[in-house]
Amino acid sequence: MINITIPVPDVVIRKQADPQLSHIYGFTDFHLIPRDKGGFFTFYNDKNELLFVGKARKIRPRIKKHFEDSVSVMKNYRNEVTKIEVFVNEDPVEREIYETYMINKSRAKYNVEKVYYK
């Protein structure tokens, strides 16, 4: 049996109810997410339920696409996201393993691919 341990997130940002500073989609600390690093990320709602897990070669642009893109699986649920956790990981194989594991172990609500528990 393989034992997978999810690492501690490198960056955690929370949505502000009424941001006074410059913000992106209500997240004033969006600048803390690495722009040119690879990794995986998770979206949570205000009840700390896992909504979505994703991975990317460049994390920040990929997360932004989920808030802007009209074809994103998250397009109808963007307002639910209140916390983003970012895990920097440059190894594409490890990113794939962590993403698939987290989707199935935590039963991410809006991931439709790589789901084996249904």
PDB file of N, CA and C in Angstrom:
ATOM      1  N   MET A   1       0.850  -1.187   0.000  1.00  0.00           N
ATOM      2  CA  MET A   1       0.000   0.000   0.000  1.00  0.00           C
ATOM      3  C   MET A   1       0.885   1.236   0.000  1.00  0.00           C
ATOM      4  N   ILE A   2       0.502   2.192  -0.779  1.00  0.00           N
ATOM      5  CA  ILE A   2       1.239   3.447  -0.855  1.00  0.00           C
ATOM      6  C   ILE A   2       0.644   4.426   0.148  1.00  0.00           C
ATOM      7  N   ASN A   3       1.508   5.088   0.894  1.00  0.00           N
ATOM      8  CA  ASN A   3       1.053   6.073   1.870  1.00  0.00           C
ATOM      9  C   ASN A   3       1.407   7.464   1.355  1.00  0.00           C
ATOM     10  N   ILE A   4       0.396   8.291   1.125  1.00  0.00           N
ATOM     11  CA  ILE A   4       0.614   9.646   0.613  1.00  0.00           C
ATOM     12  C   ILE A   4       0.275  10.636   1.710  1.00  0.00           C
ATOM     13  N   THR A   5       1.200  11.550   1.969  1.00  0.00           N
ATOM     14  CA  THR A   5       0.975  12.598   2.958  1.00  0.00           C
ATOM     15  C   THR A   5       0.907  13.932   2.230  1.00  0.00           C
ATOM     16  N   ILE A   6      -0.184  14.635   2.398  1.00  0.00           N
ATOM     17  CA  ILE A   6      -0.345  15.944   1.765  1.00  0.00           C
ATOM     18  C   ILE A   6       0.562  16.935   2.491  1.00  0.00           C
ATOM     19  N   PRO A   7       1.373  17.672   1.746  1.00  0.00           N
ATOM     20  CA  PRO A   7       2.257  18.644   2.399  1.00  0.00           C
ATOM     21  C   PRO A   7       1.483  19.841   2.955  1.00  0.00           C
ATOM     22  N   VAL A   8       2.147  20.618   3.764  1.00  0.00           N
ATOM     23  CA  VAL A   8       1.574  21.861   4.289  1.00  0.00           C
ATOM     24  C   VAL A   8       1.581  22.872   3.134  1.00  0.00           C
ATOM     25  N   PRO A   9       0.497  23.630   2.955  1.00  0.00           N
ATOM     26  CA  PRO A   9       0.471  24.598   1.848  1.00  0.00           C
ATOM     27  C   PRO A   9       1.549  25.670   2.004  1.00  0.00           C
ATOM     28  N   ASP A  10       2.109  26.088   0.878  1.00  0.00           N
ATOM     29  CA  ASP A  10       3.114  27.150   0.872  1.00  0.00           C
ATOM     30  C   ASP A  10       2.464  28.519   1.020  1.00  0.00           C
ATOM     31  N   VAL A  11       1.254  28.661   0.495  1.00  0.00           N
ATOM     32  CA  VAL A  11       0.520  29.927   0.559  1.00  0.00           C
ATOM     33  C   VAL A  11      -0.950  29.623   0.829  1.00  0.00           C
ATOM     34  N   VAL A  12      -1.556  30.363   1.750  1.00  0.00           N
ATOM     35  CA  VAL A  12      -2.995  30.281   2.006  1.00  0.00           C
ATOM     36  C   VAL A  12      -3.523  31.710   1.969  1.00  0.00           C
ATOM     37  N   ILE A  13      -4.493  31.950   1.097  1.00  0.00           N
ATOM     38  CA  ILE A  13      -5.101  33.286   1.063  1.00  0.00           C
ATOM     39  C   ILE A  13      -6.602  33.144   1.262  1.00  0.00           C
ATOM     40  N   ARG A  14      -7.173  34.146   1.900  1.00  0.00           N
ATOM     41  CA  ARG A  14      -8.603  34.138   2.189  1.00  0.00           C
ATOM     42  C   ARG A  14      -9.279  35.343   1.537  1.00  0.00           C
ATOM     43  N   LYS A  15     -10.501  35.124   1.108  1.00  0.00           N
ATOM     44  CA  LYS A  15     -11.292  36.175   0.485  1.00  0.00           C
ATOM     45  C   LYS A  15     -11.737  37.169   1.549  1.00  0.00           C
ATOM     46  N   GLN A  16     -11.642  38.440   1.249  1.00  0.00           N
ATOM     47  CA  GLN A  16     -12.077  39.506   2.151  1.00  0.00           C
ATOM     48  C   GLN A  16     -13.526  39.876   1.801  1.00  0.00           C
ATOM     49  N   ALA A  17     -14.347  40.060   2.803  1.00  0.00           N
ATOM     50  CA  ALA A  17     -15.756  40.408   2.577  1.00  0.00           C
ATOM     51  C   ALA A  17     -15.895  41.757   1.877  1.00  0.00           C
ATOM     52  N   ASP A  18     -15.148  42.731   2.322  1.00  0.00           N
ATOM     53  CA  ASP A  18     -15.192  44.068   1.733  1.00  0.00           C
ATOM     54  C   ASP A  18     -13.764  44.608   1.644  1.00  0.00           C
ATOM     55  N   PRO A  19     -13.008  44.129   0.648  1.00  0.00           N
ATOM     56  CA  PRO A  19     -11.587  44.500   0.587  1.00  0.00           C
ATOM     57  C   PRO A  19     -11.379  45.999   0.392  1.00  0.00           C
ATOM     58  N   GLN A  20     -10.526  46.565   1.220  1.00  0.00           N
ATOM     59  CA  GLN A  20     -10.208  47.989   1.129  1.00  0.00           C
ATOM     60  C   GLN A  20      -8.986  48.210   0.239  1.00  0.00           C
ATOM     61  N   LEU A  21      -8.125  47.229   0.155  1.00  0.00           N
ATOM     62  CA  LEU A  21      -6.922  47.323  -0.664  1.00  0.00           C
ATOM     63  C   LEU A  21      -7.202  46.784  -2.058  1.00  0.00           C
ATOM     64  N   SER A  22      -6.226  46.939  -2.929  1.00  0.00           N
ATOM     65  CA  SER A  22      -6.329  46.373  -4.265  1.00  0.00           C
ATOM     66  C   SER A  22      -6.509  44.866  -4.149  1.00  0.00           C
ATOM     67  N   HIS A  23      -7.431  44.311  -4.918  1.00  0.00           N
ATOM     68  CA  HIS A  23      -7.715  42.886  -4.798  1.00  0.00           C
ATOM     69  C   HIS A  23      -8.018  42.265  -6.148  1.00  0.00           C
ATOM     70  N   ILE A  24      -7.908  40.963  -6.196  1.00  0.00           N
ATOM     71  CA  ILE A  24      -8.294  40.182  -7.359  1.00  0.00           C
ATOM     72  C   ILE A  24      -9.358  39.211  -6.885  1.00  0.00           C
ATOM     73  N   TYR A  25     -10.596  39.415  -7.328  1.00  0.00           N
ATOM     74  CA  TYR A  25     -11.731  38.564  -6.978  1.00  0.00           C
ATOM     75  C   TYR A  25     -11.951  38.483  -5.474  1.00  0.00           C
ATOM     76  N   GLY A  26     -11.613  39.555  -4.747  1.00  0.00           N
ATOM     77  CA  GLY A  26     -11.804  39.601  -3.307  1.00  0.00           C
ATOM     78  C   GLY A  26     -10.616  39.098  -2.507  1.00  0.00           C
ATOM     79  N   PHE A  27      -9.592  38.595  -3.176  1.00  0.00           N
ATOM     80  CA  PHE A  27      -8.389  38.094  -2.512  1.00  0.00           C
ATOM     81  C   PHE A  27      -7.309  39.175  -2.570  1.00  0.00           C
ATOM     82  N   THR A  28      -7.051  39.828  -1.434  1.00  0.00           N
ATOM     83  CA  THR A  28      -6.067  40.914  -1.406  1.00  0.00           C
ATOM     84  C   THR A  28      -4.627  40.399  -1.421  1.00  0.00           C
ATOM     85  N   ASP A  29      -4.410  39.140  -1.087  1.00  0.00           N
ATOM     86  CA  ASP A  29      -3.056  38.576  -1.043  1.00  0.00           C
ATOM     87  C   ASP A  29      -2.737  37.705  -2.252  1.00  0.00           C
ATOM     88  N   PHE A  30      -3.427  37.927  -3.352  1.00  0.00           N
ATOM     89  CA  PHE A  30      -3.226  37.131  -4.559  1.00  0.00           C
ATOM     90  C   PHE A  30      -1.773  37.194  -5.030  1.00  0.00           C
ATOM     91  N   HIS A  31      -1.109  38.319  -4.746  1.00  0.00           N
ATOM     92  CA  HIS A  31       0.284  38.500  -5.159  1.00  0.00           C
ATOM     93  C   HIS A  31       1.244  37.512  -4.484  1.00  0.00           C
ATOM     94  N   LEU A  32       0.811  36.867  -3.406  1.00  0.00           N
ATOM     95  CA  LEU A  32       1.656  35.894  -2.706  1.00  0.00           C
ATOM     96  C   LEU A  32       1.765  34.564  -3.457  1.00  0.00           C
ATOM     97  N   ILE A  33       0.850  34.326  -4.376  1.00  0.00           N
ATOM     98  CA  ILE A  33       0.876  33.086  -5.158  1.00  0.00           C
ATOM     99  C   ILE A  33       1.980  33.199  -6.205  1.00  0.00           C
ATOM    100  N   PRO A  34       2.893  32.223  -6.244  1.00  0.00           N
ATOM    101  CA  PRO A  34       3.996  32.290  -7.219  1.00  0.00           C
ATOM    102  C   PRO A  34       3.491  32.355  -8.652  1.00  0.00           C
ATOM    103  N   ARG A  35       4.109  33.196  -9.436  1.00  0.00           N
ATOM    104  CA  ARG A  35       3.702  33.395 -10.824  1.00  0.00           C
ATOM    105  C   ARG A  35       4.334  32.361 -11.755  1.00  0.00           C
ATOM    106  N   ASP A  36       5.606  32.042 -11.533  1.00  0.00           N
ATOM    107  CA  ASP A  36       6.346  31.183 -12.456  1.00  0.00           C
ATOM    108  C   ASP A  36       6.727  29.836 -11.867  1.00  0.00           C
ATOM    109  N   LYS A  37       6.011  29.405 -10.854  1.00  0.00           N
ATOM    110  CA  LYS A  37       6.281  28.109 -10.223  1.00  0.00           C
ATOM    111  C   LYS A  37       5.139  27.144 -10.530  1.00  0.00           C
ATOM    112  N   GLY A  38       5.465  25.878 -10.566  1.00  0.00           N
ATOM    113  CA  GLY A  38       4.459  24.845 -10.755  1.00  0.00           C
ATOM    114  C   GLY A  38       3.956  24.351  -9.416  1.00  0.00           C
ATOM    115  N   GLY A  39       2.812  23.696  -9.438  1.00  0.00           N
ATOM    116  CA  GLY A  39       2.278  23.149  -8.204  1.00  0.00           C
ATOM    117  C   GLY A  39       0.824  22.757  -8.355  1.00  0.00           C
ATOM    118  N   PHE A  40       0.177  22.597  -7.222  1.00  0.00           N
ATOM    119  CA  PHE A  40      -1.252  22.287  -7.214  1.00  0.00           C
ATOM    120  C   PHE A  40      -1.937  23.192  -6.202  1.00  0.00           C
ATOM    121  N   PHE A  41      -3.254  23.306  -6.336  1.00  0.00           N
ATOM    122  CA  PHE A  41      -3.995  24.258  -5.505  1.00  0.00           C
ATOM    123  C   PHE A  41      -5.361  23.686  -5.165  1.00  0.00           C
ATOM    124  N   THR A  42      -5.923  24.221  -4.088  1.00  0.00           N
ATOM    125  CA  THR A  42      -7.250  23.797  -3.650  1.00  0.00           C
ATOM    126  C   THR A  42      -8.113  25.024  -3.388  1.00  0.00           C
ATOM    127  N   PHE A  43      -9.386  24.909  -3.702  1.00  0.00           N
ATOM    128  CA  PHE A  43     -10.374  25.944  -3.406  1.00  0.00           C
ATOM    129  C   PHE A  43     -11.300  25.405  -2.321  1.00  0.00           C
ATOM    130  N   TYR A  44     -11.561  26.234  -1.301  1.00  0.00           N
ATOM    131  CA  TYR A  44     -12.463  25.863  -0.210  1.00  0.00           C
ATOM    132  C   TYR A  44     -13.576  26.899  -0.083  1.00  0.00           C
ATOM    133  N   ASN A  45     -14.710  26.483   0.476  1.00  0.00           N
ATOM    134  CA  ASN A  45     -15.794  27.432   0.753  1.00  0.00           C
ATOM    135  C   ASN A  45     -15.709  27.891   2.204  1.00  0.00           C
ATOM    136  N   ASP A  46     -16.694  28.672   2.653  1.00  0.00           N
ATOM    137  CA  ASP A  46     -16.678  29.218   4.008  1.00  0.00           C
ATOM    138  C   ASP A  46     -16.896  28.162   5.087  1.00  0.00           C
ATOM    139  N   LYS A  47     -17.333  26.958   4.698  1.00  0.00           N
ATOM    140  CA  LYS A  47     -17.497  25.856   5.654  1.00  0.00           C
ATOM    141  C   LYS A  47     -16.275  24.940   5.656  1.00  0.00           C
ATOM    142  N   ASN A  48     -15.222  25.374   4.954  1.00  0.00           N
ATOM    143  CA  ASN A  48     -13.969  24.630   4.821  1.00  0.00           C
ATOM    144  C   ASN A  48     -14.165  23.294   4.088  1.00  0.00           C
ATOM    145  N   GLU A  49     -15.155  23.255   3.187  1.00  0.00           N
ATOM    146  CA  GLU A  49     -15.367  22.086   2.342  1.00  0.00           C
ATOM    147  C   GLU A  49     -14.528  22.237   1.077  1.00  0.00           C
ATOM    148  N   LEU A  50     -13.876  21.166   0.678  1.00  0.00           N
ATOM    149  CA  LEU A  50     -13.051  21.199  -0.522  1.00  0.00           C
ATOM    150  C   LEU A  50     -13.950  21.271  -1.750  1.00  0.00           C
ATOM    151  N   LEU A  51     -13.760  22.324  -2.538  1.00  0.00           N
ATOM    152  CA  LEU A  51     -14.572  22.510  -3.737  1.00  0.00           C
ATOM    153  C   LEU A  51     -13.873  21.983  -4.983  1.00  0.00           C
ATOM    154  N   PHE A  52     -12.569  22.243  -5.095  1.00  0.00           N
ATOM    155  CA  PHE A  52     -11.871  21.935  -6.335  1.00  0.00           C
ATOM    156  C   PHE A  52     -10.382  21.789  -6.073  1.00  0.00           C
ATOM    157  N   VAL A  53      -9.756  20.859  -6.801  1.00  0.00           N
ATOM    158  CA  VAL A  53      -8.304  20.672  -6.761  1.00  0.00           C
ATOM    159  C   VAL A  53      -7.803  20.790  -8.190  1.00  0.00           C
ATOM    160  N   GLY A  54      -6.721  21.549  -8.376  1.00  0.00           N
ATOM    161  CA  GLY A  54      -6.144  21.704  -9.702  1.00  0.00           C
ATOM    162  C   GLY A  54      -4.634  21.711  -9.624  1.00  0.00           C
ATOM    163  N   LYS A  55      -4.016  21.602 -10.787  1.00  0.00           N
ATOM    164  CA  LYS A  55      -2.555  21.642 -10.854  1.00  0.00           C
ATOM    165  C   LYS A  55      -2.156  22.473 -12.068  1.00  0.00           C
ATOM    166  N   ALA A  56      -0.917  22.954 -12.058  1.00  0.00           N
ATOM    167  CA  ALA A  56      -0.459  23.779 -13.178  1.00  0.00           C
ATOM    168  C   ALA A  56       1.047  23.906 -13.179  1.00  0.00           C
ATOM    169  N   ARG A  57       1.597  24.165 -14.367  1.00  0.00           N
ATOM    170  CA  ARG A  57       3.032  24.469 -14.471  1.00  0.00           C
ATOM    171  C   ARG A  57       3.311  25.864 -13.937  1.00  0.00           C
ATOM    172  N   LYS A  58       2.334  26.754 -14.075  1.00  0.00           N
ATOM    173  CA  LYS A  58       2.426  28.122 -13.550  1.00  0.00           C
ATOM    174  C   LYS A  58       1.137  28.371 -12.772  1.00  0.00           C
ATOM    175  N   ILE A  59       1.272  28.425 -11.452  1.00  0.00           N
ATOM    176  CA  ILE A  59       0.092  28.396 -10.583  1.00  0.00           C
ATOM    177  C   ILE A  59      -0.789  29.637 -10.684  1.00  0.00           C
ATOM    178  N   ARG A  60      -0.219  30.826 -10.504  1.00  0.00           N
ATOM    179  CA  ARG A  60      -1.061  32.035 -10.448  1.00  0.00           C
ATOM    180  C   ARG A  60      -1.907  32.231 -11.707  1.00  0.00           C
ATOM    181  N   PRO A  61      -1.320  32.161 -12.911  1.00  0.00           N
ATOM    182  CA  PRO A  61      -2.165  32.328 -14.101  1.00  0.00           C
ATOM    183  C   PRO A  61      -3.286  31.288 -14.191  1.00  0.00           C
ATOM    184  N   ARG A  62      -3.005  30.065 -13.740  1.00  0.00           N
ATOM    185  CA  ARG A  62      -4.025  29.014 -13.806  1.00  0.00           C
ATOM    186  C   ARG A  62      -5.173  29.295 -12.841  1.00  0.00           C
ATOM    187  N   ILE A  63      -4.850  29.748 -11.647  1.00  0.00           N
ATOM    188  CA  ILE A  63      -5.900  30.071 -10.680  1.00  0.00           C
ATOM    189  C   ILE A  63      -6.746  31.234 -11.202  1.00  0.00           C
ATOM    190  N   LYS A  64      -6.084  32.247 -11.771  1.00  0.00           N
ATOM    191  CA  LYS A  64      -6.821  33.389 -12.331  1.00  0.00           C
ATOM    192  C   LYS A  64      -7.780  32.939 -13.426  1.00  0.00           C
ATOM    193  N   LYS A  65      -7.358  31.964 -14.240  1.00  0.00           N
ATOM    194  CA  LYS A  65      -8.230  31.474 -15.310  1.00  0.00           C
ATOM    195  C   LYS A  65      -9.529  30.886 -14.756  1.00  0.00           C
ATOM    196  N   HIS A  66      -9.449  30.255 -13.592  1.00  0.00           N
ATOM    197  CA  HIS A  66     -10.669  29.689 -13.008  1.00  0.00           C
ATOM    198  C   HIS A  66     -11.664  30.778 -12.631  1.00  0.00           C
ATOM    199  N   PHE A  67     -11.192  31.986 -12.394  1.00  0.00           N
ATOM    200  CA  PHE A  67     -12.084  33.084 -12.046  1.00  0.00           C
ATOM    201  C   PHE A  67     -12.514  33.898 -13.267  1.00  0.00           C
ATOM    202  N   GLU A  68     -11.824  33.731 -14.389  1.00  0.00           N
ATOM    203  CA  GLU A  68     -12.118  34.542 -15.578  1.00  0.00           C
ATOM    204  C   GLU A  68     -12.706  33.741 -16.733  1.00  0.00           C
ATOM    205  N   ASP A  69     -12.284  32.510 -16.880  1.00  0.00           N
ATOM    206  CA  ASP A  69     -12.599  31.684 -18.035  1.00  0.00           C
ATOM    207  C   ASP A  69     -14.073  31.291 -18.079  1.00  0.00           C
ATOM    208  N   SER A  70     -14.649  31.297 -19.264  1.00  0.00           N
ATOM    209  CA  SER A  70     -16.055  30.928 -19.402  1.00  0.00           C
ATOM    210  C   SER A  70     -16.242  29.414 -19.531  1.00  0.00           C
ATOM    211  N   VAL A  71     -15.152  28.658 -19.648  1.00  0.00           N
ATOM    212  CA  VAL A  71     -15.266  27.205 -19.765  1.00  0.00           C
ATOM    213  C   VAL A  71     -14.771  26.470 -18.518  1.00  0.00           C
ATOM    214  N   SER A  72     -14.346  27.193 -17.513  1.00  0.00           N
ATOM    215  CA  SER A  72     -13.868  26.573 -16.281  1.00  0.00           C
ATOM    216  C   SER A  72     -14.998  25.824 -15.588  1.00  0.00           C
ATOM    217  N   VAL A  73     -14.674  24.700 -14.988  1.00  0.00           N
ATOM    218  CA  VAL A  73     -15.668  23.948 -14.216  1.00  0.00           C
ATOM    219  C   VAL A  73     -16.189  24.787 -13.058  1.00  0.00           C
ATOM    220  N   MET A  74     -15.402  25.746 -12.624  1.00  0.00           N
ATOM    221  CA  MET A  74     -15.749  26.585 -11.479  1.00  0.00           C
ATOM    222  C   MET A  74     -16.570  27.818 -11.871  1.00  0.00           C
ATOM    223  N   LYS A  75     -16.868  28.007 -13.151  1.00  0.00           N
ATOM    224  CA  LYS A  75     -17.515  29.243 -13.600  1.00  0.00           C
ATOM    225  C   LYS A  75     -18.810  29.577 -12.870  1.00  0.00           C
ATOM    226  N   ASN A  76     -19.589  28.579 -12.492  1.00  0.00           N
ATOM    227  CA  ASN A  76     -20.853  28.827 -11.798  1.00  0.00           C
ATOM    228  C   ASN A  76     -20.712  28.843 -10.277  1.00  0.00           C
ATOM    229  N   TYR A  77     -19.501  28.556  -9.784  1.00  0.00           N
ATOM    230  CA  TYR A  77     -19.297  28.411  -8.338  1.00  0.00           C
ATOM    231  C   TYR A  77     -18.214  29.337  -7.793  1.00  0.00           C
ATOM    232  N   ARG A  78     -17.759  30.282  -8.581  1.00  0.00           N
ATOM    233  CA  ARG A  78     -16.664  31.175  -8.178  1.00  0.00           C
ATOM    234  C   ARG A  78     -16.947  31.915  -6.877  1.00  0.00           C
ATOM    235  N   ASN A  79     -18.187  32.303  -6.686  1.00  0.00           N
ATOM    236  CA  ASN A  79     -18.533  33.070  -5.485  1.00  0.00           C
ATOM    237  C   ASN A  79     -18.440  32.241  -4.209  1.00  0.00           C
ATOM    238  N   GLU A  80     -18.439  30.918  -4.338  1.00  0.00           N
ATOM    239  CA  GLU A  80     -18.325  30.047  -3.169  1.00  0.00           C
ATOM    240  C   GLU A  80     -16.908  30.007  -2.607  1.00  0.00           C
ATOM    241  N   VAL A  81     -15.915  30.282  -3.438  1.00  0.00           N
ATOM    242  CA  VAL A  81     -14.512  30.156  -3.025  1.00  0.00           C
ATOM    243  C   VAL A  81     -14.152  31.260  -2.030  1.00  0.00           C
ATOM    244  N   THR A  82     -13.746  30.848  -0.825  1.00  0.00           N
ATOM    245  CA  THR A  82     -13.342  31.814   0.204  1.00  0.00           C
ATOM    246  C   THR A  82     -11.905  31.595   0.666  1.00  0.00           C
ATOM    247  N   LYS A  83     -11.321  30.447   0.279  1.00  0.00           N
ATOM    248  CA  LYS A  83      -9.932  30.177   0.670  1.00  0.00           C
ATOM    249  C   LYS A  83      -9.240  29.417  -0.453  1.00  0.00           C
ATOM    250  N   ILE A  84      -8.006  29.824  -0.728  1.00  0.00           N
ATOM    251  CA  ILE A  84      -7.187  29.143  -1.723  1.00  0.00           C
ATOM    252  C   ILE A  84      -5.903  28.697  -1.041  1.00  0.00           C
ATOM    253  N   GLU A  85      -5.589  27.412  -1.175  1.00  0.00           N
ATOM    254  CA  GLU A  85      -4.319  26.890  -0.678  1.00  0.00           C
ATOM    255  C   GLU A  85      -3.453  26.542  -1.881  1.00  0.00           C
ATOM    256  N   VAL A  86      -2.179  26.925  -1.813  1.00  0.00           N
ATOM    257  CA  VAL A  86      -1.256  26.701  -2.915  1.00  0.00           C
ATOM    258  C   VAL A  86      -0.078  25.867  -2.420  1.00  0.00           C
ATOM    259  N   PHE A  87       0.242  24.824  -3.171  1.00  0.00           N
ATOM    260  CA  PHE A  87       1.353  23.935  -2.858  1.00  0.00           C
ATOM    261  C   PHE A  87       2.338  23.995  -4.018  1.00  0.00           C
ATOM    262  N   VAL A  88       3.522  24.533  -3.799  1.00  0.00           N
ATOM    263  CA  VAL A  88       4.529  24.627  -4.853  1.00  0.00           C
ATOM    264  C   VAL A  88       5.183  23.261  -5.014  1.00  0.00           C
ATOM    265  N   ASN A  89       5.195  22.764  -6.255  1.00  0.00           N
ATOM    266  CA  ASN A  89       5.807  21.476  -6.551  1.00  0.00           C
ATOM    267  C   ASN A  89       6.164  21.479  -8.036  1.00  0.00           C
ATOM    268  N   GLU A  90       7.433  21.453  -8.348  1.00  0.00           N
ATOM    269  CA  GLU A  90       7.878  21.539  -9.740  1.00  0.00           C
ATOM    270  C   GLU A  90       7.832  20.197 -10.478  1.00  0.00           C
ATOM    271  N   ASP A  91       7.634  19.104  -9.779  1.00  0.00           N
ATOM    272  CA  ASP A  91       7.631  17.785 -10.409  1.00  0.00           C
ATOM    273  C   ASP A  91       6.238  17.465 -10.960  1.00  0.00           C
ATOM    274  N   PRO A  92       6.101  17.348 -12.295  1.00  0.00           N
ATOM    275  CA  PRO A  92       4.773  17.114 -12.883  1.00  0.00           C
ATOM    276  C   PRO A  92       4.128  15.792 -12.462  1.00  0.00           C
ATOM    277  N   VAL A  93       4.929  14.763 -12.233  1.00  0.00           N
ATOM    278  CA  VAL A  93       4.379  13.478 -11.813  1.00  0.00           C
ATOM    279  C   VAL A  93       3.819  13.580 -10.397  1.00  0.00           C
ATOM    280  N   GLU A  94       4.558  14.223  -9.507  1.00  0.00           N
ATOM    281  CA  GLU A  94       4.071  14.411  -8.138  1.00  0.00           C
ATOM    282  C   GLU A  94       2.806  15.258  -8.117  1.00  0.00           C
ATOM    283  N   ARG A  95       2.751  16.310  -8.935  1.00  0.00           N
ATOM    284  CA  ARG A  95       1.537  17.146  -9.001  1.00  0.00           C
ATOM    285  C   ARG A  95       0.330  16.300  -9.390  1.00  0.00           C
ATOM    286  N   GLU A  96       0.515  15.455 -10.368  1.00  0.00           N
ATOM    287  CA  GLU A  96      -0.567  14.586 -10.845  1.00  0.00           C
ATOM    288  C   GLU A  96      -1.038  13.643  -9.738  1.00  0.00           C
ATOM    289  N   ILE A  97      -0.095  13.062  -9.025  1.00  0.00           N
ATOM    290  CA  ILE A  97      -0.427  12.132  -7.941  1.00  0.00           C
ATOM    291  C   ILE A  97      -1.183  12.855  -6.833  1.00  0.00           C
ATOM    292  N   TYR A  98      -0.656  13.999  -6.398  1.00  0.00           N
ATOM    293  CA  TYR A  98      -1.325  14.749  -5.324  1.00  0.00           C
ATOM    294  C   TYR A  98      -2.718  15.193  -5.734  1.00  0.00           C
ATOM    295  N   GLU A  99      -2.855  15.689  -6.961  1.00  0.00           N
ATOM    296  CA  GLU A  99      -4.166  16.156  -7.418  1.00  0.00           C
ATOM    297  C   GLU A  99      -5.179  15.008  -7.399  1.00  0.00           C
ATOM    298  N   THR A 100      -4.833  13.882  -8.002  1.00  0.00           N
ATOM    299  CA  THR A 100      -5.745  12.740  -8.064  1.00  0.00           C
ATOM    300  C   THR A 100      -6.067  12.226  -6.665  1.00  0.00           C
ATOM    301  N   TYR A 101      -5.058  12.144  -5.809  1.00  0.00           N
ATOM    302  CA  TYR A 101      -5.260  11.664  -4.440  1.00  0.00           C
ATOM    303  C   TYR A 101      -6.211  12.577  -3.668  1.00  0.00           C
ATOM    304  N   MET A 102      -5.974  13.893  -3.740  1.00  0.00           N
ATOM    305  CA  MET A 102      -6.812  14.836  -2.986  1.00  0.00           C
ATOM    306  C   MET A 102      -8.246  14.863  -3.496  1.00  0.00           C
ATOM    307  N   ILE A 103      -8.425  14.776  -4.806  1.00  0.00           N
ATOM    308  CA  ILE A 103      -9.779  14.754  -5.374  1.00  0.00           C
ATOM    309  C   ILE A 103     -10.570  13.596  -4.794  1.00  0.00           C
ATOM    310  N   ASN A 104      -9.958  12.435  -4.724  1.00  0.00           N
ATOM    311  CA  ASN A 104     -10.658  11.233  -4.298  1.00  0.00           C
ATOM    312  C   ASN A 104     -10.694  11.041  -2.790  1.00  0.00           C
ATOM    313  N   LYS A 105      -9.645  11.408  -2.094  1.00  0.00           N
ATOM    314  CA  LYS A 105      -9.605  11.250  -0.643  1.00  0.00           C
ATOM    315  C   LYS A 105     -10.559  12.230   0.038  1.00  0.00           C
ATOM    316  N   SER A 106     -10.531  13.491  -0.413  1.00  0.00           N
ATOM    317  CA  SER A 106     -11.368  14.521   0.214  1.00  0.00           C
ATOM    318  C   SER A 106     -12.676  14.755  -0.521  1.00  0.00           C
ATOM    319  N   ARG A 107     -12.878  14.038  -1.611  1.00  0.00           N
ATOM    320  CA  ARG A 107     -14.107  14.138  -2.409  1.00  0.00           C
ATOM    321  C   ARG A 107     -14.429  15.582  -2.806  1.00  0.00           C
ATOM    322  N   ALA A 108     -13.517  16.144  -3.583  1.00  0.00           N
ATOM    323  CA  ALA A 108     -13.687  17.514  -4.064  1.00  0.00           C
ATOM    324  C   ALA A 108     -15.017  17.650  -4.799  1.00  0.00           C
ATOM    325  N   LYS A 109     -15.776  18.634  -4.411  1.00  0.00           N
ATOM    326  CA  LYS A 109     -17.164  18.797  -4.858  1.00  0.00           C
ATOM    327  C   LYS A 109     -17.318  19.032  -6.365  1.00  0.00           C
ATOM    328  N   TYR A 110     -16.442  19.832  -6.977  1.00  0.00           N
ATOM    329  CA  TYR A 110     -16.637  20.211  -8.375  1.00  0.00           C
ATOM    330  C   TYR A 110     -15.619  19.631  -9.346  1.00  0.00           C
ATOM    331  N   ASN A 111     -14.762  18.743  -8.903  1.00  0.00           N
ATOM    332  CA  ASN A 111     -13.892  18.043  -9.846  1.00  0.00           C
ATOM    333  C   ASN A 111     -14.717  16.959 -10.519  1.00  0.00           C
ATOM    334  N   VAL A 112     -14.678  16.918 -11.842  1.00  0.00           N
ATOM    335  CA  VAL A 112     -15.467  15.933 -12.567  1.00  0.00           C
ATOM    336  C   VAL A 112     -14.584  14.859 -13.202  1.00  0.00           C
ATOM    337  N   GLU A 113     -13.324  15.166 -13.425  1.00  0.00           N
ATOM    338  CA  GLU A 113     -12.389  14.200 -13.976  1.00  0.00           C
ATOM    339  C   GLU A 113     -11.564  13.605 -12.836  1.00  0.00           C
ATOM    340  N   LYS A 114     -11.014  12.445 -13.076  1.00  0.00           N
ATOM    341  CA  LYS A 114     -10.162  11.743 -12.105  1.00  0.00           C
ATOM    342  C   LYS A 114     -10.916  11.328 -10.848  1.00  0.00           C
ATOM    343  N   VAL A 115     -12.208  11.191 -10.942  1.00  0.00           N
ATOM    344  CA  VAL A 115     -13.014  10.800  -9.781  1.00  0.00           C
ATOM    345  C   VAL A 115     -13.229   9.290  -9.836  1.00  0.00           C
ATOM    346  N   TYR A 116     -12.794   8.603  -8.779  1.00  0.00           N
ATOM    347  CA  TYR A 116     -12.900   7.147  -8.747  1.00  0.00           C
ATOM    348  C   TYR A 116     -13.841   6.658  -7.647  1.00  0.00           C
ATOM    349  N   TYR A 117     -14.408   7.550  -6.854  1.00  0.00           N
ATOM    350  CA  TYR A 117     -15.230   7.128  -5.731  1.00  0.00           C
ATOM    351  C   TYR A 117     -16.704   7.034  -6.038  1.00  0.00           C
ATOM    352  N   LYS A 118     -17.154   7.442  -7.209  1.00  0.00           N
ATOM    353  CA  LYS A 118     -18.586   7.429  -7.527  1.00  0.00           C
ATOM    354  C   LYS A 118     -19.063   6.069  -7.946  1.00  0.00           C
TER     355      LYS A 118
END
